[in-house]
Protein backbone atom coordinates (compact mmCIF):
# COMPACT_ATOMS: atom_id res chain seq x y z
CA UNK A 1 24.38 117.45 83.46
CA UNK A 2 25.22 114.99 86.23
CA UNK A 3 23.71 112.17 84.20
CA UNK A 4 25.93 113.07 81.25
CA UNK A 5 29.03 113.15 83.46
CA UNK A 6 28.12 109.80 85.06
CA UNK A 7 27.60 108.24 81.64
CA UNK A 8 30.99 109.52 80.45
CA UNK A 9 32.65 108.11 83.56
CA UNK A 10 30.98 104.74 83.05
CA UNK A 11 32.06 104.67 79.39
CA UNK A 12 35.65 105.49 80.37
CA UNK A 13 35.89 102.65 82.88
CA UNK A 14 37.90 99.59 81.90
CA UNK A 15 35.82 96.56 81.07
CA UNK A 16 36.69 93.89 83.65
CA UNK A 17 36.48 91.05 81.11
CA UNK A 18 38.81 92.89 78.72
CA UNK A 19 41.20 93.65 81.58
CA UNK A 20 41.35 89.96 82.57
CA UNK A 21 42.10 88.99 78.96
CA UNK A 22 44.97 91.46 78.81
CA UNK A 23 46.35 90.24 82.14
CA UNK A 24 46.23 86.63 80.95
CA UNK A 25 48.06 87.61 77.79
CA UNK A 26 50.89 89.21 79.71
CA UNK A 27 51.02 86.35 82.20
CA UNK A 28 51.46 83.99 79.27
CA UNK A 29 54.26 86.13 77.87
CA UNK A 30 55.96 86.09 81.25
CA UNK A 31 55.55 82.33 81.52
CA UNK A 32 57.02 81.85 78.06
CA UNK A 33 59.95 84.11 78.92
CA UNK A 34 60.65 82.08 82.04
CA UNK A 35 60.41 78.83 80.09
CA UNK A 36 62.77 80.15 77.42
CA UNK A 37 65.20 81.29 80.09
CA UNK A 38 65.24 77.82 81.66
CA UNK A 39 65.75 76.14 78.27
CA UNK A 40 68.55 78.57 77.45
CA UNK A 41 70.24 77.85 80.79
CA UNK A 42 70.09 74.08 80.26
CA UNK A 43 71.32 74.45 76.68
CA UNK A 44 74.27 76.53 77.88
CA UNK A 45 75.16 73.87 80.47
CA UNK A 46 74.96 71.20 77.77
CA UNK A 47 77.20 73.29 75.54
CA UNK A 48 79.80 73.55 78.33
CA UNK A 49 79.72 69.78 78.90
CA UNK A 50 80.04 69.11 75.17
CA UNK A 51 83.02 71.45 74.90
CA UNK A 52 84.62 69.72 77.90
CA UNK A 53 84.20 66.35 76.20
CA UNK A 54 85.76 67.67 73.00
CA UNK A 55 88.72 69.12 74.92
CA UNK A 56 89.19 65.85 76.84
CA UNK A 57 89.12 63.88 73.61
CA UNK A 58 91.68 66.19 72.01
CA UNK A 59 93.90 65.88 75.08
CA UNK A 60 93.67 62.09 75.16
CA UNK A 61 94.28 61.78 71.41
CA UNK A 62 97.29 64.08 71.66
CA UNK A 63 98.85 62.15 74.49
CA UNK A 64 99.21 58.89 72.47
């Protein structure tokens, strides 16, 4: 009976290779999320600068 129990325990253990693949997958997702966040932040800053330029142009054209 002990052999049967030991075999069941061994079968239930997580395969280390499979575990590493899953961890790499989630690390990649996290890296992509961080990259997207950085791109979004830069895009937002660019949008603010663009809007500032448009407002300045409107102001200068209206003052003539």
